[in-house]
Amino acid sequence: NLQNPKLKQIHLHTLRHWKATMEYHRTKNIKHVQQMLGHKKIENTDLYTQLLNFENDEWHVATAKNLEEESKLIEAGFEYVRYSEKDEVAIYRKRK
């Protein structure tokens, strides 16, 4: 609803905060976000990591049995979780 008075509270800087927060959430790379924002001090960028709580996120989970499979998962944005000796696979995850 465009008549919502909360819309008047949104400024360009609000969108900048949102983009930076989402980029950190996606990449978990604070240096990347710092560079994206053009901050000289990491302390300024660090504020964006605490704006939202993403602890209840859902994950895609995948396994890799060899280096080729692991490389494909990493290229697709998966992050390493652990190695299962029982199943002889590396476990990876990526946010949905």
C-alpha atoms as a PDB file:
ATOM      1  CA  ASN A   1       0.000   0.000   0.000  1.00  0.00           C
ATOM      2  CA  LEU A   2       1.633   3.215  -1.154  1.00  0.00           C
ATOM      3  CA  GLN A   3      -0.320   5.209   1.431  1.00  0.00           C
ATOM      4  CA  ASN A   4       1.515   3.485   4.279  1.00  0.00           C
ATOM      5  CA  PRO A   5       3.229   6.229   6.334  1.00  0.00           C
ATOM      6  CA  LYS A   6       6.199   3.925   7.021  1.00  0.00           C
ATOM      7  CA  LEU A   7       7.197   4.280   3.366  1.00  0.00           C
ATOM      8  CA  LYS A   8       8.079   7.911   4.063  1.00  0.00           C
ATOM      9  CA  GLN A   9      10.661   6.675   6.584  1.00  0.00           C
ATOM     10  CA  ILE A  10      12.623   4.827   3.900  1.00  0.00           C
ATOM     11  CA  HIS A  11      15.578   6.779   2.528  1.00  0.00           C
ATOM     12  CA  LEU A  12      18.435   5.894   0.183  1.00  0.00           C
ATOM     13  CA  HIS A  13      20.632   5.220   3.200  1.00  0.00           C
ATOM     14  CA  THR A  14      18.018   2.704   4.444  1.00  0.00           C
ATOM     15  CA  LEU A  15      18.363   0.817   1.162  1.00  0.00           C
ATOM     16  CA  ARG A  16      22.157   0.959   1.475  1.00  0.00           C
ATOM     17  CA  HIS A  17      21.942  -0.617   4.944  1.00  0.00           C
ATOM     18  CA  TRP A  18      19.583  -3.310   3.651  1.00  0.00           C
ATOM     19  CA  LYS A  19      21.827  -4.161   0.676  1.00  0.00           C
ATOM     20  CA  ALA A  20      24.941  -4.335   2.860  1.00  0.00           C
ATOM     21  CA  THR A  21      23.207  -6.511   5.452  1.00  0.00           C
ATOM     22  CA  MET A  22      21.908  -8.909   2.812  1.00  0.00           C
ATOM     23  CA  GLU A  23      25.295  -9.049   1.076  1.00  0.00           C
ATOM     24  CA  TYR A  24      27.003  -9.957   4.346  1.00  0.00           C
ATOM     25  CA  HIS A  25      24.314 -12.555   5.029  1.00  0.00           C
ATOM     26  CA  ARG A  26      24.882 -14.049   1.570  1.00  0.00           C
ATOM     27  CA  THR A  27      28.691 -14.034   1.544  1.00  0.00           C
ATOM     28  CA  LYS A  28      29.733 -13.938   5.231  1.00  0.00           C
ATOM     29  CA  ASN A  29      32.654 -11.839   3.952  1.00  0.00           C
ATOM     30  CA  ILE A  30      32.914  -8.589   5.899  1.00  0.00           C
ATOM     31  CA  LYS A  31      35.895  -7.399   3.817  1.00  0.00           C
ATOM     32  CA  HIS A  32      33.813  -7.767   0.636  1.00  0.00           C
ATOM     33  CA  VAL A  33      31.015  -5.669   2.169  1.00  0.00           C
ATOM     34  CA  GLN A  34      33.546  -3.095   3.390  1.00  0.00           C
ATOM     35  CA  GLN A  35      34.896  -2.729  -0.139  1.00  0.00           C
ATOM     36  CA  MET A  36      31.383  -2.605  -1.620  1.00  0.00           C
ATOM     37  CA  LEU A  37      30.429   0.255   0.727  1.00  0.00           C
ATOM     38  CA  GLY A  38      33.732   2.077   0.395  1.00  0.00           C
ATOM     39  CA  HIS A  39      34.326   2.117   4.154  1.00  0.00           C
ATOM     40  CA  LYS A  40      37.840   2.869   5.348  1.00  0.00           C
ATOM     41  CA  LYS A  41      37.241   1.392   8.812  1.00  0.00           C
ATOM     42  CA  ILE A  42      36.042  -2.178   9.290  1.00  0.00           C
ATOM     43  CA  GLU A  43      34.257  -1.064  12.483  1.00  0.00           C
ATOM     44  CA  ASN A  44      31.782   0.920  10.383  1.00  0.00           C
ATOM     45  CA  THR A  45      31.063  -2.095   8.211  1.00  0.00           C
ATOM     46  CA  ASP A  46      30.772  -4.398  11.223  1.00  0.00           C
ATOM     47  CA  LEU A  47      27.534  -2.635  12.195  1.00  0.00           C
ATOM     48  CA  TYR A  48      25.803  -4.367   9.286  1.00  0.00           C
ATOM     49  CA  THR A  49      26.522  -7.841  10.638  1.00  0.00           C
ATOM     50  CA  GLN A  50      24.340  -7.245  13.673  1.00  0.00           C
ATOM     51  CA  LEU A  51      21.227  -5.700  12.094  1.00  0.00           C
ATOM     52  CA  LEU A  52      19.316  -8.923  11.473  1.00  0.00           C
ATOM     53  CA  ASN A  53      19.253 -12.366  13.056  1.00  0.00           C
ATOM     54  CA  PHE A  54      19.485 -15.119  10.447  1.00  0.00           C
ATOM     55  CA  GLU A  55      19.871 -18.040  12.850  1.00  0.00           C
ATOM     56  CA  ASN A  56      16.638 -19.737  11.778  1.00  0.00           C
ATOM     57  CA  ASP A  57      17.576 -19.974   8.112  1.00  0.00           C
ATOM     58  CA  GLU A  58      17.035 -23.100   6.105  1.00  0.00           C
ATOM     59  CA  TRP A  59      19.875 -24.791   4.230  1.00  0.00           C
ATOM     60  CA  HIS A  60      20.438 -26.850   1.109  1.00  0.00           C
ATOM     61  CA  VAL A  61      22.765 -29.708   2.069  1.00  0.00           C
ATOM     62  CA  ALA A  62      24.989 -31.629  -0.334  1.00  0.00           C
ATOM     63  CA  THR A  63      27.772 -34.179  -0.115  1.00  0.00           C
ATOM     64  CA  ALA A  64      30.947 -34.715  -2.110  1.00  0.00           C
ATOM     65  CA  LYS A  65      32.932 -37.926  -2.463  1.00  0.00           C
ATOM     66  CA  ASN A  66      35.874 -36.508  -4.400  1.00  0.00           C
ATOM     67  CA  LEU A  67      37.735 -33.316  -5.240  1.00  0.00           C
ATOM     68  CA  GLU A  68      35.793 -32.714  -8.463  1.00  0.00           C
ATOM     69  CA  GLU A  69      32.450 -32.856  -6.622  1.00  0.00           C
ATOM     70  CA  GLU A  70      33.802 -30.584  -3.879  1.00  0.00           C
ATOM     71  CA  SER A  71      34.998 -28.041  -6.440  1.00  0.00           C
ATOM     72  CA  LYS A  72      31.563 -27.933  -8.070  1.00  0.00           C
ATOM     73  CA  LEU A  73      29.856 -27.364  -4.716  1.00  0.00           C
ATOM     74  CA  ILE A  74      32.239 -24.562  -3.769  1.00  0.00           C
ATOM     75  CA  GLU A  75      31.762 -22.911  -7.167  1.00  0.00           C
ATOM     76  CA  ALA A  76      27.986 -23.111  -6.583  1.00  0.00           C
ATOM     77  CA  GLY A  77      28.344 -21.224  -3.302  1.00  0.00           C
ATOM     78  CA  PHE A  78      28.276 -24.106  -0.828  1.00  0.00           C
ATOM     79  CA  GLU A  79      30.374 -23.908   2.322  1.00  0.00           C
ATOM     80  CA  TYR A  80      32.187 -26.815   3.961  1.00  0.00           C
ATOM     81  CA  VAL A  81      30.610 -28.171   7.162  1.00  0.00           C
ATOM     82  CA  ARG A  82      32.479 -31.360   8.073  1.00  0.00           C
ATOM     83  CA  TYR A  83      33.767 -34.717   6.860  1.00  0.00           C
ATOM     84  CA  SER A  84      31.801 -37.864   7.682  1.00  0.00           C
ATOM     85  CA  GLU A  85      34.284 -40.694   8.143  1.00  0.00           C
ATOM     86  CA  LYS A  86      31.452 -43.196   8.450  1.00  0.00           C
ATOM     87  CA  ASP A  87      30.011 -42.300   5.030  1.00  0.00           C
ATOM     88  CA  GLU A  88      33.327 -41.132   3.537  1.00  0.00           C
ATOM     89  CA  VAL A  89      31.832 -37.881   2.250  1.00  0.00           C
ATOM     90  CA  ALA A  90      32.380 -34.180   2.824  1.00  0.00           C
ATOM     91  CA  ILE A  91      29.230 -32.345   3.855  1.00  0.00           C
ATOM     92  CA  TYR A  92      28.464 -28.888   2.469  1.00  0.00           C
ATOM     93  CA  ARG A  93      25.629 -26.420   2.952  1.00  0.00           C
ATOM     94  CA  LYS A  94      24.200 -23.317   1.299  1.00  0.00           C
ATOM     95  CA  ARG A  95      21.414 -21.042   2.483  1.00  0.00           C
ATOM     96  CA  LYS A  96      18.095 -21.473   0.687  1.00  0.00           C
END
